[in-house]
């Protein structure tokens, strides 16, 4: 059972409103039913959204919580005048005080980029995602010098999702390499990786958690056995210590926490938001 319903109303994708709303509601021990209402960019659509929000309030007997990032004042006015939910106008709360402080009007721009075809930041982000996909799991060592970060670690330690997150969220080109038995036999990082040691960051994980993850993919295999997982992790951590590679355990950390730690340690020259 849900305690309350939260609506995320935006004239764009609604991602900003939803991210902010989730962060706020996570501070409370309640179960929330989440409803995203994107592209509410006309007065008619605003009235439709209001009817949906008010209807839910009548059915549930509680005011819905409404997070909005609508920038069009005519559309926003419909919500302010007719919405019976608890309305949290994020841009009104933050943008207008910033306008006063900076002494200028905001762009009142819907979404992150006003025109993606002309946005260098957006194009750089797409390039970074493509790069990270091409350099996933050691598939390519071409243009490795262009990488902002190179992740190493045993298979299934979280390298791929972290790489994609850094590319999508920060526009970073991230390569990742699995540490395999051949590397352990040589007791060295892959030669192509070792050339760029300042960019290298290691991920490790507890043997128990690794065994669980691998068992989902290949149950009852030596690959997933706890003994093999312990051996691989021990060898990988020893190799990273010998090579002077900074590393952390992903066992209990979210992708966001892992990425933040990497950014603090590596200090890449290029970051886009």
Protein backbone atom coordinates (compact mmCIF):
# COMPACT_ATOMS: atom_id res chain seq x y z
CA UNK A 1 0.00 0.00 0.00
CA UNK A 2 1.15 3.52 -0.82
CA UNK A 3 0.97 6.34 1.72
CA UNK A 4 0.81 9.15 -0.86
CA UNK A 5 0.94 9.83 -4.58
CA UNK A 6 3.58 12.15 -6.00
CA UNK A 7 3.21 13.80 -9.40
CA UNK A 8 6.15 15.17 -11.40
CA UNK A 9 4.81 17.74 -13.86
CA UNK A 10 7.04 19.32 -16.48
CA UNK A 11 6.93 20.95 -19.90
CA UNK A 12 10.03 18.86 -20.67
CA UNK A 13 10.90 15.27 -19.82
CA UNK A 14 10.19 15.60 -16.10
CA UNK A 15 13.54 14.05 -15.17
CA UNK A 16 14.67 17.08 -13.14
CA UNK A 17 11.42 17.26 -11.19
CA UNK A 18 11.46 13.51 -10.56
CA UNK A 19 15.09 13.44 -9.44
CA UNK A 20 14.55 16.35 -7.04
CA UNK A 21 11.27 14.93 -5.77
CA UNK A 22 12.74 11.50 -5.11
CA UNK A 23 15.59 13.08 -3.14
CA UNK A 24 13.12 15.02 -1.00
CA UNK A 25 10.72 12.14 -0.40
CA UNK A 26 13.55 9.76 0.46
CA UNK A 27 13.91 11.69 3.71
CA UNK A 28 10.59 10.23 4.92
CA UNK A 29 9.59 6.67 5.82
CA UNK A 30 6.64 6.50 3.44
CA UNK A 31 5.75 4.52 0.35
CA UNK A 32 5.10 6.79 -2.60
CA UNK A 33 3.29 6.06 -5.86
CA UNK A 34 5.14 8.06 -8.50
CA UNK A 35 3.41 9.53 -11.57
CA UNK A 36 5.39 11.46 -14.19
CA UNK A 37 3.49 13.90 -16.41
CA UNK A 38 5.99 15.12 -19.03
CA UNK A 39 5.53 17.58 -21.91
CA UNK A 40 2.75 19.57 -20.22
CA UNK A 41 3.51 22.54 -22.47
CA UNK A 42 0.06 24.02 -23.22
CA UNK A 43 -2.78 25.38 -21.13
CA UNK A 44 -5.02 22.52 -22.27
CA UNK A 45 -2.48 19.91 -21.16
CA UNK A 46 -2.14 21.73 -17.85
CA UNK A 47 -5.90 21.49 -17.27
CA UNK A 48 -5.76 17.76 -18.09
CA UNK A 49 -2.94 17.31 -15.57
CA UNK A 50 -4.89 19.23 -12.92
CA UNK A 51 -7.96 17.04 -13.45
CA UNK A 52 -5.84 13.91 -13.02
CA UNK A 53 -4.14 15.22 -9.87
CA UNK A 54 -7.39 16.41 -8.28
CA UNK A 55 -9.13 13.12 -9.11
CA UNK A 56 -6.40 11.14 -7.34
CA UNK A 57 -6.73 13.41 -4.32
CA UNK A 58 -10.48 12.77 -4.14
CA UNK A 59 -10.03 8.99 -4.44
CA UNK A 60 -7.23 8.74 -1.88
CA UNK A 61 -8.44 11.32 0.60
CA UNK A 62 -5.00 12.95 0.72
CA UNK A 63 -3.51 15.84 -1.21
CA UNK A 64 -1.12 14.54 -3.87
CA UNK A 65 2.37 16.00 -3.69
CA UNK A 66 3.14 17.81 -6.94
CA UNK A 67 6.69 18.69 -8.02
CA UNK A 68 6.82 20.90 -11.09
CA UNK A 69 9.53 22.42 -13.27
CA UNK A 70 7.18 24.18 -15.70
CA UNK A 71 8.67 27.45 -16.97
CA UNK A 72 5.81 28.78 -19.11
CA UNK A 73 3.96 31.21 -16.84
CA UNK A 74 0.55 30.70 -18.51
CA UNK A 75 0.80 26.93 -18.12
CA UNK A 76 2.12 27.23 -14.57
CA UNK A 77 -0.71 29.58 -13.63
CA UNK A 78 -3.24 26.82 -14.36
CA UNK A 79 -1.58 24.63 -11.74
CA UNK A 80 -1.32 27.40 -9.15
CA UNK A 81 -4.96 28.39 -9.54
CA UNK A 82 -6.60 24.97 -9.91
CA UNK A 83 -4.39 22.22 -8.50
CA UNK A 84 -5.61 20.88 -5.13
CA UNK A 85 -2.38 19.01 -4.47
CA UNK A 86 0.58 20.30 -2.48
CA UNK A 87 2.33 22.20 -5.27
CA UNK A 88 6.11 22.57 -5.09
CA UNK A 89 7.21 24.92 -7.88
CA UNK A 90 10.93 24.24 -8.12
CA UNK A 91 11.77 26.94 -10.63
CA UNK A 92 9.68 29.48 -8.75
CA UNK A 93 11.48 28.56 -5.55
CA UNK A 94 14.99 28.75 -6.97
CA UNK A 95 15.07 30.56 -10.33
CA UNK A 96 13.27 33.75 -9.34
CA UNK A 97 15.52 34.42 -6.30
CA UNK A 98 18.51 33.80 -8.60
CA UNK A 99 17.13 36.33 -11.08
CA UNK A 100 16.99 38.90 -8.27
CA UNK A 101 20.48 38.04 -7.04
CA UNK A 102 22.07 38.08 -10.52
CA UNK A 103 20.11 41.06 -11.74
CA UNK A 104 18.99 39.35 -14.94
CA UNK A 105 16.15 37.27 -16.34
CA UNK A 106 16.60 33.54 -16.83
CA UNK A 107 16.21 31.97 -20.26
CA UNK A 108 13.01 30.22 -19.12
CA UNK A 109 14.26 27.37 -21.25
CA UNK A 110 12.48 24.04 -21.30
CA UNK A 111 14.87 21.20 -20.58
CA UNK A 112 18.61 21.02 -20.38
CA UNK A 113 19.40 22.13 -23.92
CA UNK A 114 17.44 24.66 -25.96
CA UNK A 115 18.50 23.14 -29.29
CA UNK A 116 20.40 19.88 -29.14
CA UNK A 117 21.52 20.16 -32.77
CA UNK A 118 23.55 23.25 -31.83
CA UNK A 119 24.71 22.14 -28.39
CA UNK A 120 28.39 21.26 -28.16
CA UNK A 121 27.84 19.84 -24.67
CA UNK A 122 25.13 17.53 -25.93
CA UNK A 123 27.21 16.34 -28.88
CA UNK A 124 30.20 15.78 -26.59
CA UNK A 125 27.99 13.69 -24.33
CA UNK A 126 26.83 11.50 -27.24
CA UNK A 127 30.44 11.09 -28.35
CA UNK A 128 31.40 10.05 -24.83
CA UNK A 129 28.61 7.45 -24.69
CA UNK A 130 29.68 6.01 -28.05
CA UNK A 131 33.31 5.91 -26.91
CA UNK A 132 32.42 4.16 -23.66
CA UNK A 133 30.33 1.54 -25.47
CA UNK A 134 33.13 0.89 -27.97
CA UNK A 135 35.65 0.50 -25.15
CA UNK A 136 33.49 -1.64 -22.89
CA UNK A 137 34.96 -4.82 -21.42
CA UNK A 138 38.30 -4.40 -23.19
CA UNK A 139 36.75 -4.56 -26.67
CA UNK A 140 39.14 -1.96 -28.09
CA UNK A 141 42.42 -0.30 -27.22
CA UNK A 142 42.17 2.16 -30.12
CA UNK A 143 42.39 5.80 -28.99
CA UNK A 144 42.84 4.72 -25.39
CA UNK A 145 44.84 7.89 -24.86
CA UNK A 146 41.58 9.81 -25.36
CA UNK A 147 39.98 8.18 -22.32
CA UNK A 148 39.24 10.38 -19.32
CA UNK A 149 39.02 7.35 -17.03
CA UNK A 150 40.02 3.70 -17.40
CA UNK A 151 38.26 1.28 -15.04
CA UNK A 152 39.72 -2.11 -14.16
CA UNK A 153 38.38 -4.95 -12.05
CA UNK A 154 37.22 -8.55 -12.19
CA UNK A 155 34.25 -9.47 -14.33
CA UNK A 156 30.88 -8.27 -12.92
CA UNK A 157 32.36 -5.83 -10.41
CA UNK A 158 30.37 -2.88 -11.79
CA UNK A 159 32.64 -1.49 -14.48
CA UNK A 160 30.13 -1.26 -17.34
CA UNK A 161 27.26 0.52 -15.51
CA UNK A 162 29.76 2.93 -13.94
CA UNK A 163 31.30 3.67 -17.35
CA UNK A 164 27.94 4.40 -18.94
CA UNK A 165 26.81 6.54 -16.01
CA UNK A 166 29.98 8.68 -16.18
CA UNK A 167 29.50 9.11 -19.92
CA UNK A 168 25.81 9.98 -19.73
CA UNK A 169 25.94 12.15 -16.63
CA UNK A 170 29.29 13.92 -17.07
CA UNK A 171 30.24 13.48 -20.73
CA UNK A 172 33.37 11.51 -19.84
CA UNK A 173 35.01 9.01 -22.17
CA UNK A 174 35.46 5.88 -20.08
CA UNK A 175 37.16 2.64 -21.07
CA UNK A 176 36.95 -0.46 -18.92
CA UNK A 177 39.03 -3.61 -18.82
CA UNK A 178 38.30 -6.91 -17.06
CA UNK A 179 41.17 -8.39 -15.08
CA UNK A 180 41.45 -12.03 -16.17
CA UNK A 181 43.59 -15.09 -15.24
CA UNK A 182 46.20 -14.21 -17.90
CA UNK A 183 46.75 -10.86 -16.16
CA UNK A 184 47.09 -12.62 -12.80
CA UNK A 185 49.65 -15.03 -14.27
CA UNK A 186 51.71 -12.09 -15.55
CA UNK A 187 51.07 -10.24 -12.27
CA UNK A 188 50.71 -7.06 -14.30
CA UNK A 189 47.97 -4.85 -15.63
CA UNK A 190 47.21 -5.23 -19.35
CA UNK A 191 50.07 -3.41 -21.16
CA UNK A 192 47.75 -0.99 -22.98
CA UNK A 193 46.20 0.01 -19.65
CA UNK A 194 49.50 0.34 -17.79
CA UNK A 195 50.60 3.05 -20.25
CA UNK A 196 47.89 5.35 -18.85
CA UNK A 197 48.21 4.52 -15.16
CA UNK A 198 47.23 8.04 -14.00
CA UNK A 199 43.78 7.56 -15.51
CA UNK A 200 43.25 4.08 -14.08
CA UNK A 201 40.80 3.39 -11.25
CA UNK A 202 39.99 -0.03 -9.86
CA UNK A 203 36.71 -1.57 -8.74
CA UNK A 204 36.50 -4.54 -6.41
CA UNK A 205 33.64 -6.31 -4.66
CA UNK A 206 33.08 -8.86 -1.89
CA UNK A 207 33.41 -12.48 -2.96
CA UNK A 208 29.95 -13.32 -1.64
CA UNK A 209 28.24 -10.56 -3.62
CA UNK A 210 30.25 -11.37 -6.75
CA UNK A 211 29.25 -15.03 -6.51
CA UNK A 212 25.59 -14.01 -6.27
CA UNK A 213 25.82 -11.78 -9.34
CA UNK A 214 27.68 -14.34 -11.42
CA UNK A 215 25.31 -17.14 -10.36
CA UNK A 216 22.43 -15.22 -11.93
CA UNK A 217 24.27 -15.38 -15.24
CA UNK A 218 25.98 -18.78 -15.02
CA UNK A 219 24.61 -20.84 -12.11
CA UNK A 220 26.60 -23.77 -10.72
CA UNK A 221 29.70 -22.80 -12.73
CA UNK A 222 33.30 -22.49 -11.62
CA UNK A 223 33.07 -18.86 -12.81
CA UNK A 224 30.46 -18.19 -10.11
CA UNK A 225 31.86 -20.39 -7.35
CA UNK A 226 32.75 -18.65 -4.11
CA UNK A 227 36.25 -20.16 -4.20
CA UNK A 228 36.99 -18.79 -7.67
CA UNK A 229 35.51 -15.39 -6.79
CA UNK A 230 37.72 -15.17 -3.70
CA UNK A 231 40.78 -16.10 -5.75
CA UNK A 232 40.09 -13.58 -8.53
CA UNK A 233 39.38 -10.75 -6.10
CA UNK A 234 42.48 -11.49 -4.06
CA UNK A 235 44.65 -11.51 -7.20
CA UNK A 236 43.04 -8.34 -8.58
CA UNK A 237 43.44 -6.37 -5.36
CA UNK A 238 47.07 -7.48 -5.02
CA UNK A 239 47.74 -6.38 -8.60
CA UNK A 240 46.15 -2.99 -8.04
CA UNK A 241 48.18 -2.46 -4.86
CA UNK A 242 51.42 -3.34 -6.67
CA UNK A 243 50.58 -1.01 -9.55
CA UNK A 244 49.59 1.89 -7.30
CA UNK A 245 46.03 1.91 -8.67
CA UNK A 246 43.38 3.64 -6.57
CA UNK A 247 40.36 1.42 -6.00
CA UNK A 248 37.18 0.96 -3.99
CA UNK A 249 34.68 -1.77 -3.21
CA UNK A 250 31.35 -1.56 -5.02
CA UNK A 251 29.67 -4.08 -2.70
CA UNK A 252 27.40 -1.65 -0.87
CA UNK A 253 27.80 1.48 -2.99
CA UNK A 254 25.42 2.96 -5.55
CA UNK A 255 26.57 3.90 -9.05
CA UNK A 256 26.29 7.56 -8.02
CA UNK A 257 28.59 7.02 -5.02
CA UNK A 258 31.12 5.09 -7.11
CA UNK A 259 31.15 7.79 -9.80
CA UNK A 260 31.57 10.59 -7.27
CA UNK A 261 34.55 8.83 -5.66
CA UNK A 262 36.18 8.32 -9.07
CA UNK A 263 35.74 12.01 -9.95
CA UNK A 264 37.32 13.04 -6.65
CA UNK A 265 40.30 10.76 -7.22
CA UNK A 266 40.94 11.11 -10.95
CA UNK A 267 40.09 14.82 -11.45
CA UNK A 268 39.40 14.55 -15.20
CA UNK A 269 40.06 17.72 -17.18
CA UNK A 270 36.69 17.61 -18.92
CA UNK A 271 33.32 17.59 -17.19
CA UNK A 272 29.97 18.58 -18.66
CA UNK A 273 26.65 18.77 -16.86
